Amino acid sequence: MTDTILEVQNLKKHYNQNGGLFSAFKGKENVIPAVDDVSFYIKEKETMGLVGETGCGKTTIGRTLLKLIPATSGKIIFNGTDITHLSAAQFRPFRKKIQMIFQDLDAALNPKMRIKAILQEALTVHCRLSDAEIDHRISELLEMVNLKKSKLSNFPNELSGGEKRRVGIARTLAVGARFIVADEPTSALDVSIQAQVVNLLRDLQKELRLSYLFISHDLRVVELVSHKVAVMYLGQIVEMGLAGRIANAPRHPYTAVLWSSLVDKKSDESIKNEGNPNEGQWGVFDFERPNVGCRFAPRCPVYHAKNRPTICTDPATSPQLQKIDDAHQVRCHFPL
């Protein structure tokens, strides 16, 4: 893993939200920083896990990388080319190299098309192939994802969750993808099926030299499949490093709470008690209006234990993502 296939520099995706009648008179809108100054890189044959609570911006990053939604600012560099502001026509040659496995395959797979037609469509959009070549390529894809040929005549609603995942994976491979955004690829699957999907993705990575951005809530799976992990909170990466270090020796309080809730199986009440028992603020956060300064401060056990120091909430001293060790970065004034 020596060549960088994707580099993201200071990526921002902000949404404007109408603030109501009073704001309308003033001509003001609320800005929601769904993705706020995010930077990272992914190498060939590398998997970067992306974790965080719902609403933190994980899927928005994935969709922005694929130019399904436009970036507000920043750079997306794929294989040495800045693709951030390419038009649809200019981006077309890159489209087949950058693909996404969507979380909701019931919506992503056309319910009125049979599986063979879905794979045919993926092939014919980007390649000029004869009918015989298409049939041969579809057979290769089925073998790659371990899907029976008899499933080609089925509609998506006739497949199991695991089979739909395999079709989604096959569709990304059909066009020759090199970088894949896998958005919750194991969600809503039985544990045994999850293991099969994970093993399939890992085997394909070795065979085809694929790179993944692996978005998931399942911390065990992320730790298993990822070379490195980025932890997001309210649009920002708060910690990033090698998967083993993030899981076993986290430096950001938020990361520590995430993994301790998995390892120690703590109740929501015990997690709240790690902060300020009198505050009880762990359970709720407002992703539309992140706090100034450190965005995690209102819920941070370290912040409350240190009697809420001003440095954590002062806009002038907002914590930056700092390198604290080899390949390990953290956004915190008081890292663990």
C-alpha atoms as a PDB file:
ATOM      1  CA  MET A   1       0.000   0.000   0.000  1.00  0.00           C
ATOM      2  CA  THR A   2       2.160   2.810  -1.260  1.00  0.00           C
ATOM      3  CA  ASP A   3       0.022   4.721  -3.758  1.00  0.00           C
ATOM      4  CA  THR A   4      -2.668   7.136  -2.588  1.00  0.00           C
ATOM      5  CA  ILE A   5      -5.854   6.612  -4.583  1.00  0.00           C
ATOM      6  CA  LEU A   6      -8.017   9.230  -2.850  1.00  0.00           C
ATOM      7  CA  GLU A   7      -7.109  12.403  -0.992  1.00  0.00           C
ATOM      8  CA  VAL A   8      -9.650  14.710   0.643  1.00  0.00           C
ATOM      9  CA  GLN A   9      -8.516  18.193   1.629  1.00  0.00           C
ATOM     10  CA  ASN A  10     -10.557  20.498   3.903  1.00  0.00           C
ATOM     11  CA  LEU A  11     -13.867  19.179   2.557  1.00  0.00           C
ATOM     12  CA  LYS A  12     -16.985  21.084   3.577  1.00  0.00           C
ATOM     13  CA  LYS A  13     -20.645  20.456   2.838  1.00  0.00           C
ATOM     14  CA  HIS A  14     -22.967  23.007   4.409  1.00  0.00           C
ATOM     15  CA  TYR A  15     -26.731  23.174   4.079  1.00  0.00           C
ATOM     16  CA  ASN A  16     -28.808  26.330   4.422  1.00  0.00           C
ATOM     17  CA  GLN A  17     -31.944  26.017   6.499  1.00  0.00           C
ATOM     18  CA  ASN A  18     -34.695  28.610   6.650  1.00  0.00           C
ATOM     19  CA  GLY A  19     -34.653  30.038  10.171  1.00  0.00           C
ATOM     20  CA  GLY A  20     -38.339  31.001  10.199  1.00  0.00           C
ATOM     21  CA  LEU A  21     -40.305  34.187   9.631  1.00  0.00           C
ATOM     22  CA  PHE A  22     -38.109  36.424  11.818  1.00  0.00           C
ATOM     23  CA  SER A  23     -34.928  35.258  10.080  1.00  0.00           C
ATOM     24  CA  ALA A  24     -36.583  35.707   6.693  1.00  0.00           C
ATOM     25  CA  PHE A  25     -37.213  39.387   7.437  1.00  0.00           C
ATOM     26  CA  LYS A  26     -33.531  39.764   8.304  1.00  0.00           C
ATOM     27  CA  GLY A  27     -32.484  37.810   5.228  1.00  0.00           C
ATOM     28  CA  LYS A  28     -30.643  35.215   7.314  1.00  0.00           C
ATOM     29  CA  GLU A  29     -30.546  31.437   7.080  1.00  0.00           C
ATOM     30  CA  ASN A  30     -29.220  28.856   9.481  1.00  0.00           C
ATOM     31  CA  VAL A  31     -26.172  26.999   8.160  1.00  0.00           C
ATOM     32  CA  ILE A  32     -25.882  23.314   9.023  1.00  0.00           C
ATOM     33  CA  PRO A  33     -22.246  22.128   8.744  1.00  0.00           C
ATOM     34  CA  ALA A  34     -22.958  18.517   7.761  1.00  0.00           C
ATOM     35  CA  VAL A  35     -19.282  18.055   6.825  1.00  0.00           C
ATOM     36  CA  ASP A  36     -16.911  20.642   8.224  1.00  0.00           C
ATOM     37  CA  ASP A  37     -13.237  20.816   7.202  1.00  0.00           C
ATOM     38  CA  VAL A  38     -12.588  17.089   6.787  1.00  0.00           C
ATOM     39  CA  SER A  39      -9.236  15.829   5.470  1.00  0.00           C
ATOM     40  CA  PHE A  40      -7.952  12.279   4.987  1.00  0.00           C
ATOM     41  CA  TYR A  41      -6.369   9.992   2.402  1.00  0.00           C
ATOM     42  CA  ILE A  42      -6.832   6.358   1.382  1.00  0.00           C
ATOM     43  CA  LYS A  43      -4.214   4.215  -0.311  1.00  0.00           C
ATOM     44  CA  GLU A  44      -4.602   1.374  -2.789  1.00  0.00           C
ATOM     45  CA  LYS A  45      -5.835  -1.856  -1.169  1.00  0.00           C
ATOM     46  CA  GLU A  46      -6.601   0.094   2.021  1.00  0.00           C
ATOM     47  CA  THR A  47      -9.831   0.276   4.008  1.00  0.00           C
ATOM     48  CA  MET A  48     -10.677   3.310   6.097  1.00  0.00           C
ATOM     49  CA  GLY A  49     -13.525   2.851   8.542  1.00  0.00           C
ATOM     50  CA  LEU A  50     -15.769   5.834   9.235  1.00  0.00           C
ATOM     51  CA  VAL A  51     -17.824   5.727  12.435  1.00  0.00           C
ATOM     52  CA  GLY A  52     -20.023   8.043  14.470  1.00  0.00           C
ATOM     53  CA  GLU A  53     -23.592   8.601  15.525  1.00  0.00           C
ATOM     54  CA  THR A  54     -26.467   9.054  13.104  1.00  0.00           C
ATOM     55  CA  GLY A  55     -26.418  12.584  11.717  1.00  0.00           C
ATOM     56  CA  CYS A  56     -22.672  13.139  12.133  1.00  0.00           C
ATOM     57  CA  GLY A  57     -22.051  13.382   8.370  1.00  0.00           C
ATOM     58  CA  LYS A  58     -20.685   9.948   7.411  1.00  0.00           C
ATOM     59  CA  THR A  59     -23.001   9.268   4.477  1.00  0.00           C
ATOM     60  CA  THR A  60     -22.785  12.905   3.358  1.00  0.00           C
ATOM     61  CA  ILE A  61     -19.024  12.455   2.961  1.00  0.00           C
ATOM     62  CA  GLY A  62     -19.562   9.330   0.869  1.00  0.00           C
ATOM     63  CA  ARG A  63     -22.113  10.995  -1.398  1.00  0.00           C
ATOM     64  CA  THR A  64     -19.939  14.070  -1.795  1.00  0.00           C
ATOM     65  CA  LEU A  65     -16.947  11.948  -2.828  1.00  0.00           C
ATOM     66  CA  LEU A  66     -19.064  10.405  -5.592  1.00  0.00           C
ATOM     67  CA  LYS A  67     -20.336  13.871  -6.599  1.00  0.00           C
ATOM     68  CA  LEU A  68     -23.903  12.811  -5.937  1.00  0.00           C
ATOM     69  CA  ILE A  69     -24.087  16.081  -3.995  1.00  0.00           C
ATOM     70  CA  PRO A  70     -21.785  19.068  -4.604  1.00  0.00           C
ATOM     71  CA  ALA A  71     -19.115  20.065  -2.099  1.00  0.00           C
ATOM     72  CA  THR A  72     -19.356  23.534  -0.540  1.00  0.00           C
ATOM     73  CA  SER A  73     -15.564  23.846  -0.569  1.00  0.00           C
ATOM     74  CA  GLY A  74     -12.382  21.804  -0.323  1.00  0.00           C
ATOM     75  CA  LYS A  75     -10.749  19.328  -2.688  1.00  0.00           C
ATOM     76  CA  ILE A  76     -11.387  15.715  -3.703  1.00  0.00           C
ATOM     77  CA  ILE A  77      -8.368  14.268  -5.521  1.00  0.00           C
ATOM     78  CA  PHE A  78      -8.796  10.855  -7.139  1.00  0.00           C
ATOM     79  CA  ASN A  79      -5.733   9.110  -8.519  1.00  0.00           C
ATOM     80  CA  GLY A  80      -3.904  12.438  -8.798  1.00  0.00           C
ATOM     81  CA  THR A  81      -6.751  14.378 -10.454  1.00  0.00           C
ATOM     82  CA  ASP A  82      -8.815  17.045  -8.724  1.00  0.00           C
ATOM     83  CA  ILE A  83     -12.396  15.957  -9.451  1.00  0.00           C
ATOM     84  CA  THR A  84     -14.128  18.423  -7.114  1.00  0.00           C
ATOM     85  CA  HIS A  85     -15.511  20.787  -9.723  1.00  0.00           C
ATOM     86  CA  LEU A  86     -15.640  18.572 -12.803  1.00  0.00           C
ATOM     87  CA  SER A  87     -18.828  18.760 -14.832  1.00  0.00           C
ATOM     88  CA  ALA A  88     -20.941  15.642 -15.293  1.00  0.00           C
ATOM     89  CA  ALA A  89     -19.384  15.050 -18.711  1.00  0.00           C
ATOM     90  CA  GLN A  90     -15.842  15.557 -17.396  1.00  0.00           C
ATOM     91  CA  PHE A  91     -16.478  13.268 -14.430  1.00  0.00           C
ATOM     92  CA  ARG A  92     -17.939  10.457 -16.545  1.00  0.00           C
ATOM     93  CA  PRO A  93     -14.587   8.651 -17.117  1.00  0.00           C
ATOM     94  CA  PHE A  94     -14.038   8.651 -13.341  1.00  0.00           C
ATOM     95  CA  ARG A  95     -17.575   7.552 -12.474  1.00  0.00           C
ATOM     96  CA  LYS A  96     -16.918   3.909 -13.238  1.00  0.00           C
ATOM     97  CA  LYS A  97     -13.825   3.922 -11.019  1.00  0.00           C
ATOM     98  CA  ILE A  98     -15.601   5.436  -7.999  1.00  0.00           C
ATOM     99  CA  GLN A  99     -18.696   3.529  -6.936  1.00  0.00           C
ATOM    100  CA  MET A 100     -20.959   3.132  -3.912  1.00  0.00           C
ATOM    101  CA  ILE A 101     -22.670   0.205  -2.225  1.00  0.00           C
ATOM    102  CA  PHE A 102     -25.829   1.875  -0.958  1.00  0.00           C
ATOM    103  CA  GLN A 103     -27.244   1.121   2.460  1.00  0.00           C
ATOM    104  CA  ASP A 104     -30.866   0.901   1.308  1.00  0.00           C
ATOM    105  CA  LEU A 105     -30.708  -1.565  -1.557  1.00  0.00           C
ATOM    106  CA  ASP A 106     -34.503  -1.783  -1.660  1.00  0.00           C
ATOM    107  CA  ALA A 107     -34.359   1.783  -2.974  1.00  0.00           C
ATOM    108  CA  ALA A 108     -31.091   1.439  -4.919  1.00  0.00           C
ATOM    109  CA  LEU A 109     -32.171  -1.614  -6.948  1.00  0.00           C
ATOM    110  CA  ASN A 110     -34.979  -1.003  -9.433  1.00  0.00           C
ATOM    111  CA  PRO A 111     -37.875  -3.178  -8.197  1.00  0.00           C
ATOM    112  CA  LYS A 112     -39.247  -3.540 -11.741  1.00  0.00           C
ATOM    113  CA  MET A 113     -36.014  -4.914 -13.211  1.00  0.00           C
ATOM    114  CA  ARG A 114     -34.758  -8.459 -12.954  1.00  0.00           C
ATOM    115  CA  ILE A 115     -31.255  -8.979 -11.574  1.00  0.00           C
ATOM    116  CA  LYS A 116     -29.836  -9.763 -15.014  1.00  0.00           C
ATOM    117  CA  ALA A 117     -31.216  -6.495 -16.396  1.00  0.00           C
ATOM    118  CA  ILE A 118     -29.759  -4.559 -13.454  1.00  0.00           C
ATOM    119  CA  LEU A 119     -26.280  -5.955 -14.131  1.00  0.00           C
ATOM    120  CA  GLN A 120     -26.693  -5.513 -17.896  1.00  0.00           C
ATOM    121  CA  GLU A 121     -27.562  -1.859 -17.388  1.00  0.00           C
ATOM    122  CA  ALA A 122     -24.435  -1.279 -15.294  1.00  0.00           C
ATOM    123  CA  LEU A 123     -22.297  -2.851 -18.017  1.00  0.00           C
ATOM    124  CA  THR A 124     -23.854  -1.121 -21.021  1.00  0.00           C
ATOM    125  CA  VAL A 125     -23.797   2.384 -19.485  1.00  0.00           C
ATOM    126  CA  HIS A 126     -19.988   2.450 -19.409  1.00  0.00           C
ATOM    127  CA  CYS A 127     -18.910  -0.276 -21.857  1.00  0.00           C
ATOM    128  CA  ARG A 128     -19.667  -1.214 -25.449  1.00  0.00           C
ATOM    129  CA  LEU A 129     -20.015  -4.977 -25.346  1.00  0.00           C
ATOM    130  CA  SER A 130     -21.741  -7.570 -27.487  1.00  0.00           C
ATOM    131  CA  ASP A 131     -24.517  -9.706 -26.011  1.00  0.00           C
ATOM    132  CA  ALA A 132     -22.122 -12.628 -25.698  1.00  0.00           C
ATOM    133  CA  GLU A 133     -19.537 -10.479 -23.914  1.00  0.00           C
ATOM    134  CA  ILE A 134     -22.205  -9.152 -21.524  1.00  0.00           C
ATOM    135  CA  ASP A 135     -23.357 -12.692 -20.687  1.00  0.00           C
ATOM    136  CA  HIS A 136     -19.778 -13.765 -20.078  1.00  0.00           C
ATOM    137  CA  ARG A 137     -19.094 -10.750 -17.854  1.00  0.00           C
ATOM    138  CA  ILE A 138     -22.268 -11.363 -15.830  1.00  0.00           C
ATOM    139  CA  SER A 139     -21.186 -14.976 -15.268  1.00  0.00           C
ATOM    140  CA  GLU A 140     -17.815 -13.704 -14.007  1.00  0.00           C
ATOM    141  CA  LEU A 141     -19.536 -11.258 -11.654  1.00  0.00           C
ATOM    142  CA  LEU A 142     -21.800 -13.950 -10.218  1.00  0.00           C
ATOM    143  CA  GLU A 143     -18.779 -16.113  -9.537  1.00  0.00           C
ATOM    144  CA  MET A 144     -16.956 -13.211  -7.882  1.00  0.00           C
ATOM    145  CA  VAL A 145     -19.782 -12.528  -5.421  1.00  0.00           C
ATOM    146  CA  ASN A 146     -20.845 -16.170  -4.962  1.00  0.00           C
ATOM    147  CA  LEU A 147     -24.367 -15.692  -6.300  1.00  0.00           C
ATOM    148  CA  LYS A 148     -26.269 -18.472  -8.052  1.00  0.00           C
ATOM    149  CA  LYS A 149     -27.029 -18.025 -11.745  1.00  0.00           C
ATOM    150  CA  SER A 150     -30.669 -18.914 -11.088  1.00  0.00           C
ATOM    151  CA  LYS A 151     -31.048 -15.580  -9.259  1.00  0.00           C
ATOM    152  CA  LEU A 152     -30.683 -13.637 -12.514  1.00  0.00           C
ATOM    153  CA  SER A 153     -34.365 -14.105 -13.292  1.00  0.00           C
ATOM    154  CA  ASN A 154     -35.479 -12.834  -9.884  1.00  0.00           C
ATOM    155  CA  PHE A 155     -36.688  -9.356  -8.969  1.00  0.00           C
ATOM    156  CA  PRO A 156     -34.924  -7.636  -6.039  1.00  0.00           C
ATOM    157  CA  ASN A 157     -37.840  -8.222  -3.643  1.00  0.00           C
ATOM    158  CA  GLU A 158     -37.447 -11.969  -4.220  1.00  0.00           C
ATOM    159  CA  LEU A 159     -33.901 -11.980  -2.839  1.00  0.00           C
ATOM    160  CA  SER A 160     -32.716 -12.202   0.743  1.00  0.00           C
ATOM    161  CA  GLY A 161     -30.858  -9.310   2.377  1.00  0.00           C
ATOM    162  CA  GLY A 162     -27.509 -11.024   1.841  1.00  0.00           C
ATOM    163  CA  GLU A 163     -28.270 -11.708  -1.823  1.00  0.00           C
ATOM    164  CA  LYS A 164     -29.213  -8.073  -2.391  1.00  0.00           C
ATOM    165  CA  ARG A 165     -25.870  -7.052  -0.909  1.00  0.00           C
ATOM    166  CA  ARG A 166     -24.085  -9.368  -3.335  1.00  0.00           C
ATOM    167  CA  VAL A 167     -25.996  -7.859  -6.252  1.00  0.00           C
ATOM    168  CA  GLY A 168     -25.039  -4.377  -5.036  1.00  0.00           C
ATOM    169  CA  ILE A 169     -21.395  -5.414  -4.867  1.00  0.00           C
ATOM    170  CA  ALA A 170     -21.556  -7.059  -8.306  1.00  0.00           C
ATOM    171  CA  ARG A 171     -23.009  -3.895  -9.797  1.00  0.00           C
ATOM    172  CA  THR A 172     -20.073  -1.812  -8.539  1.00  0.00           C
ATOM    173  CA  LEU A 173     -17.595  -4.348  -9.898  1.00  0.00           C
ATOM    174  CA  ALA A 174     -19.365  -4.514 -13.267  1.00  0.00           C
ATOM    175  CA  VAL A 175     -18.008  -1.121 -14.295  1.00  0.00           C
ATOM    176  CA  GLY A 176     -14.477  -1.729 -13.006  1.00  0.00           C
ATOM    177  CA  ALA A 177     -14.586   0.184  -9.704  1.00  0.00           C
ATOM    178  CA  ARG A 178     -11.274   0.758  -7.912  1.00  0.00           C
ATOM    179  CA  PHE A 179     -12.553   2.829  -4.999  1.00  0.00           C
ATOM    180  CA  ILE A 180     -15.807   1.853  -3.273  1.00  0.00           C
ATOM    181  CA  VAL A 181     -17.814   3.692  -0.639  1.00  0.00           C
ATOM    182  CA  ALA A 182     -19.506   0.917   1.365  1.00  0.00           C
ATOM    183  CA  ASP A 183     -22.367   2.562   3.266  1.00  0.00           C
ATOM    184  CA  GLU A 184     -23.480   0.244   6.103  1.00  0.00           C
ATOM    185  CA  PRO A 185     -22.904  -2.888   3.970  1.00  0.00           C
ATOM    186  CA  THR A 186     -23.676  -5.251   6.877  1.00  0.00           C
ATOM    187  CA  SER A 187     -26.695  -3.483   8.392  1.00  0.00           C
ATOM    188  CA  ALA A 188     -29.934  -5.441   8.887  1.00  0.00           C
ATOM    189  CA  LEU A 189     -28.180  -8.758   8.227  1.00  0.00           C
ATOM    190  CA  ASP A 190     -27.858 -11.827  10.439  1.00  0.00           C
ATOM    191  CA  VAL A 191     -24.460 -12.248  12.060  1.00  0.00           C
ATOM    192  CA  SER A 192     -23.555 -15.202   9.849  1.00  0.00           C
ATOM    193  CA  ILE A 193     -24.511 -13.280   6.691  1.00  0.00           C
ATOM    194  CA  GLN A 194     -22.572 -10.251   7.926  1.00  0.00           C
ATOM    195  CA  ALA A 195     -19.464 -12.422   8.195  1.00  0.00           C
ATOM    196  CA  GLN A 196     -19.970 -13.697   4.650  1.00  0.00           C
ATOM    197  CA  VAL A 197     -20.314 -10.160   3.250  1.00  0.00           C
ATOM    198  CA  VAL A 198     -17.243  -8.952   5.167  1.00  0.00           C
ATOM    199  CA  ASN A 199     -15.152 -11.909   3.983  1.00  0.00           C
ATOM    200  CA  LEU A 200     -16.331 -11.325   0.412  1.00  0.00           C
ATOM    201  CA  LEU A 201     -15.298  -7.663   0.520  1.00  0.00           C
ATOM    202  CA  ARG A 202     -11.893  -8.561   1.942  1.00  0.00           C
ATOM    203  CA  ASP A 203     -11.311 -11.274  -0.690  1.00  0.00           C
ATOM    204  CA  LEU A 204     -12.294  -8.912  -3.499  1.00  0.00           C
ATOM    205  CA  GLN A 205      -9.953  -6.274  -2.102  1.00  0.00           C
ATOM    206  CA  LYS A 206      -7.009  -8.644  -2.287  1.00  0.00           C
ATOM    207  CA  GLU A 207      -7.920  -9.959  -5.726  1.00  0.00           C
ATOM    208  CA  LEU A 208      -8.811  -6.665  -7.421  1.00  0.00           C
ATOM    209  CA  ARG A 209      -6.691  -4.197  -5.391  1.00  0.00           C
ATOM    210  CA  LEU A 210      -9.792  -2.344  -4.224  1.00  0.00           C
ATOM    211  CA  SER A 211      -9.881   0.532  -1.757  1.00  0.00           C
ATOM    212  CA  TYR A 212     -12.827   1.071   0.581  1.00  0.00           C
ATOM    213  CA  LEU A 213     -14.363   3.830   2.645  1.00  0.00           C
ATOM    214  CA  PHE A 214     -16.285   1.594   5.059  1.00  0.00           C
ATOM    215  CA  ILE A 215     -19.131   3.470   6.762  1.00  0.00           C
ATOM    216  CA  SER A 216     -20.739   1.592   9.637  1.00  0.00           C
ATOM    217  CA  HIS A 217     -22.291   1.743  13.093  1.00  0.00           C
ATOM    218  CA  ASP A 218     -20.993  -1.750  13.860  1.00  0.00           C
ATOM    219  CA  LEU A 219     -17.758  -1.057  15.698  1.00  0.00           C
ATOM    220  CA  ARG A 220     -16.727  -4.720  15.802  1.00  0.00           C
ATOM    221  CA  VAL A 221     -16.968  -5.007  12.026  1.00  0.00           C
ATOM    222  CA  VAL A 222     -15.138  -1.702  11.513  1.00  0.00           C
ATOM    223  CA  GLU A 223     -12.296  -2.840  13.750  1.00  0.00           C
ATOM    224  CA  LEU A 224     -12.123  -6.151  11.881  1.00  0.00           C
ATOM    225  CA  VAL A 225     -12.064  -4.882   8.297  1.00  0.00           C
ATOM    226  CA  SER A 226     -10.343  -1.496   8.554  1.00  0.00           C
ATOM    227  CA  HIS A 227      -6.666  -0.623   8.340  1.00  0.00           C
ATOM    228  CA  LYS A 228      -7.394   2.768   9.871  1.00  0.00           C
ATOM    229  CA  VAL A 229     -10.465   4.412  11.403  1.00  0.00           C
ATOM    230  CA  ALA A 230     -11.807   7.963  11.450  1.00  0.00           C
ATOM    231  CA  VAL A 231     -14.287   8.917  14.165  1.00  0.00           C
ATOM    232  CA  MET A 232     -16.792  11.683  13.313  1.00  0.00           C
ATOM    233  CA  TYR A 233     -18.773  13.964  15.568  1.00  0.00           C
ATOM    234  CA  LEU A 234     -21.084  16.700  14.288  1.00  0.00           C
ATOM    235  CA  GLY A 235     -19.428  17.014  10.895  1.00  0.00           C
ATOM    236  CA  GLN A 236     -15.820  16.858  12.081  1.00  0.00           C
ATOM    237  CA  ILE A 237     -13.267  14.081  12.395  1.00  0.00           C
ATOM    238  CA  VAL A 238     -12.336  14.045  16.083  1.00  0.00           C
ATOM    239  CA  GLU A 239      -9.871  11.150  15.963  1.00  0.00           C
ATOM    240  CA  MET A 240      -8.117   9.167  13.258  1.00  0.00           C
ATOM    241  CA  GLY A 241      -5.544   6.405  13.422  1.00  0.00           C
ATOM    242  CA  LEU A 242      -4.784   2.727  12.973  1.00  0.00           C
ATOM    243  CA  ALA A 243      -7.799   0.527  13.710  1.00  0.00           C
ATOM    244  CA  GLY A 244      -6.167  -1.325  16.605  1.00  0.00           C
ATOM    245  CA  ARG A 245      -5.052   1.892  18.276  1.00  0.00           C
ATOM    246  CA  ILE A 246      -8.474   3.517  17.916  1.00  0.00           C
ATOM    247  CA  ALA A 247     -10.261   0.488  19.362  1.00  0.00           C
ATOM    248  CA  ASN A 248      -7.843  -0.359  22.171  1.00  0.00           C
ATOM    249  CA  ALA A 249      -6.119   2.921  23.045  1.00  0.00           C
ATOM    250  CA  PRO A 250      -8.428   5.816  22.041  1.00  0.00           C
ATOM    251  CA  ARG A 251      -7.263   9.329  22.879  1.00  0.00           C
ATOM    252  CA  HIS A 252     -10.462  11.315  22.313  1.00  0.00           C
ATOM    253  CA  PRO A 253     -13.125  11.052  25.056  1.00  0.00           C
ATOM    254  CA  TYR A 254     -15.874  10.516  22.475  1.00  0.00           C
ATOM    255  CA  THR A 255     -14.027   7.577  20.912  1.00  0.00           C
ATOM    256  CA  ALA A 256     -13.444   6.110  24.363  1.00  0.00           C
ATOM    257  CA  VAL A 257     -17.165   6.285  25.172  1.00  0.00           C
ATOM    258  CA  LEU A 258     -18.099   4.711  21.834  1.00  0.00           C
ATOM    259  CA  TRP A 259     -15.826   1.712  22.257  1.00  0.00           C
ATOM    260  CA  SER A 260     -16.389   1.317  26.000  1.00  0.00           C
ATOM    261  CA  SER A 261     -20.118   1.052  25.357  1.00  0.00           C
ATOM    262  CA  LEU A 262     -19.324  -1.879  23.076  1.00  0.00           C
ATOM    263  CA  VAL A 263     -16.647  -3.632  25.101  1.00  0.00           C
ATOM    264  CA  ASP A 264     -18.033  -3.105  28.586  1.00  0.00           C
ATOM    265  CA  LYS A 265     -21.705  -3.221  27.561  1.00  0.00           C
ATOM    266  CA  LYS A 266     -22.492  -0.198  29.689  1.00  0.00           C
ATOM    267  CA  SER A 267     -26.052   1.020  30.009  1.00  0.00           C
ATOM    268  CA  ASP A 268     -27.042   4.460  28.770  1.00  0.00           C
ATOM    269  CA  GLU A 269     -27.393   5.542  32.386  1.00  0.00           C
ATOM    270  CA  SER A 270     -23.866   4.542  33.324  1.00  0.00           C
ATOM    271  CA  ILE A 271     -22.497   6.396  30.291  1.00  0.00           C
ATOM    272  CA  LYS A 272     -24.361   9.525  31.374  1.00  0.00           C
ATOM    273  CA  ASN A 273     -22.884   9.193  34.845  1.00  0.00           C
ATOM    274  CA  GLU A 274     -19.374   9.338  33.404  1.00  0.00           C
ATOM    275  CA  GLY A 275     -20.085  12.954  32.609  1.00  0.00           C
ATOM    276  CA  ASN A 276     -21.887  15.270  35.012  1.00  0.00           C
ATOM    277  CA  PRO A 277     -24.719  13.366  36.736  1.00  0.00           C
ATOM    278  CA  ASN A 278     -26.491  16.635  37.373  1.00  0.00           C
ATOM    279  CA  GLU A 279     -26.411  17.620  33.722  1.00  0.00           C
ATOM    280  CA  GLY A 280     -27.703  14.407  32.134  1.00  0.00           C
ATOM    281  CA  GLN A 281     -26.868  15.712  28.659  1.00  0.00           C
ATOM    282  CA  TRP A 282     -25.324  12.628  27.071  1.00  0.00           C
ATOM    283  CA  GLY A 283     -28.497  11.402  25.418  1.00  0.00           C
ATOM    284  CA  VAL A 284     -29.333  14.489  23.319  1.00  0.00           C
ATOM    285  CA  PHE A 285     -27.390  16.638  20.916  1.00  0.00           C
ATOM    286  CA  ASP A 286     -28.398  19.170  18.281  1.00  0.00           C
ATOM    287  CA  PHE A 287     -26.619  18.410  15.011  1.00  0.00           C
ATOM    288  CA  GLU A 288     -28.142  21.493  13.396  1.00  0.00           C
ATOM    289  CA  ARG A 289     -26.514  23.884  15.869  1.00  0.00           C
ATOM    290  CA  PRO A 290     -23.143  22.522  16.980  1.00  0.00           C
ATOM    291  CA  ASN A 291     -21.574  24.310  19.926  1.00  0.00           C
ATOM    292  CA  VAL A 292     -18.769  26.772  19.407  1.00  0.00           C
ATOM    293  CA  GLY A 293     -15.353  25.589  20.443  1.00  0.00           C
ATOM    294  CA  CYS A 294     -15.247  21.852  21.078  1.00  0.00           C
ATOM    295  CA  ARG A 295     -18.502  20.398  19.775  1.00  0.00           C
ATOM    296  CA  PHE A 296     -18.341  17.438  22.131  1.00  0.00           C
ATOM    297  CA  ALA A 297     -17.841  19.566  25.268  1.00  0.00           C
ATOM    298  CA  PRO A 298     -21.497  19.544  26.459  1.00  0.00           C
ATOM    299  CA  ARG A 299     -21.415  15.739  26.597  1.00  0.00           C
ATOM    300  CA  CYS A 300     -17.741  15.221  27.458  1.00  0.00           C
ATOM    301  CA  PRO A 301     -16.877  13.512  30.797  1.00  0.00           C
ATOM    302  CA  VAL A 302     -13.394  15.071  30.773  1.00  0.00           C
ATOM    303  CA  TYR A 303     -14.803  18.586  30.259  1.00  0.00           C
ATOM    304  CA  HIS A 304     -17.146  18.187  33.241  1.00  0.00           C
ATOM    305  CA  ALA A 305     -14.472  16.508  35.387  1.00  0.00           C
ATOM    306  CA  LYS A 306     -12.197  19.527  34.830  1.00  0.00           C
ATOM    307  CA  ASN A 307     -14.954  21.951  35.881  1.00  0.00           C
ATOM    308  CA  ARG A 308     -15.754  23.043  32.339  1.00  0.00           C
ATOM    309  CA  PRO A 309     -12.643  25.010  31.331  1.00  0.00           C
ATOM    310  CA  THR A 310     -13.244  27.981  29.027  1.00  0.00           C
ATOM    311  CA  ILE A 311     -10.668  26.787  26.485  1.00  0.00           C
ATOM    312  CA  CYS A 312     -13.105  24.063  25.421  1.00  0.00           C
ATOM    313  CA  THR A 313     -15.957  26.432  24.537  1.00  0.00           C
ATOM    314  CA  ASP A 314     -14.135  29.555  23.386  1.00  0.00           C
ATOM    315  CA  PRO A 315     -14.533  29.971  19.586  1.00  0.00           C
ATOM    316  CA  ALA A 316     -11.003  31.396  19.442  1.00  0.00           C
ATOM    317  CA  THR A 317      -9.554  28.152  20.832  1.00  0.00           C
ATOM    318  CA  SER A 318     -11.540  25.530  18.942  1.00  0.00           C
ATOM    319  CA  PRO A 319      -9.513  22.292  19.053  1.00  0.00           C
ATOM    320  CA  GLN A 320      -7.781  21.304  15.806  1.00  0.00           C
ATOM    321  CA  LEU A 321      -6.927  17.837  14.552  1.00  0.00           C
ATOM    322  CA  GLN A 322      -3.375  17.407  15.807  1.00  0.00           C
ATOM    323  CA  LYS A 323      -0.865  14.630  15.289  1.00  0.00           C
ATOM    324  CA  ILE A 324      -0.048  13.086  18.680  1.00  0.00           C
ATOM    325  CA  ASP A 325       1.763   9.971  17.486  1.00  0.00           C
ATOM    326  CA  ASP A 326       2.726   8.207  14.276  1.00  0.00           C
ATOM    327  CA  ALA A 327      -0.422   7.903  12.139  1.00  0.00           C
ATOM    328  CA  HIS A 328      -2.627   9.063  15.032  1.00  0.00           C
ATOM    329  CA  GLN A 329      -4.496  12.382  15.167  1.00  0.00           C
ATOM    330  CA  VAL A 330      -6.944  13.742  17.729  1.00  0.00           C
ATOM    331  CA  ARG A 331      -9.071  16.883  18.031  1.00  0.00           C
ATOM    332  CA  CYS A 332      -9.008  17.548  21.795  1.00  0.00           C
ATOM    333  CA  HIS A 333      -7.435  19.957  24.302  1.00  0.00           C
ATOM    334  CA  PHE A 334      -7.230  17.192  26.936  1.00  0.00           C
ATOM    335  CA  PRO A 335      -6.568  13.886  25.089  1.00  0.00           C
ATOM    336  CA  LEU A 336      -6.717  10.745  27.195  1.00  0.00           C
END
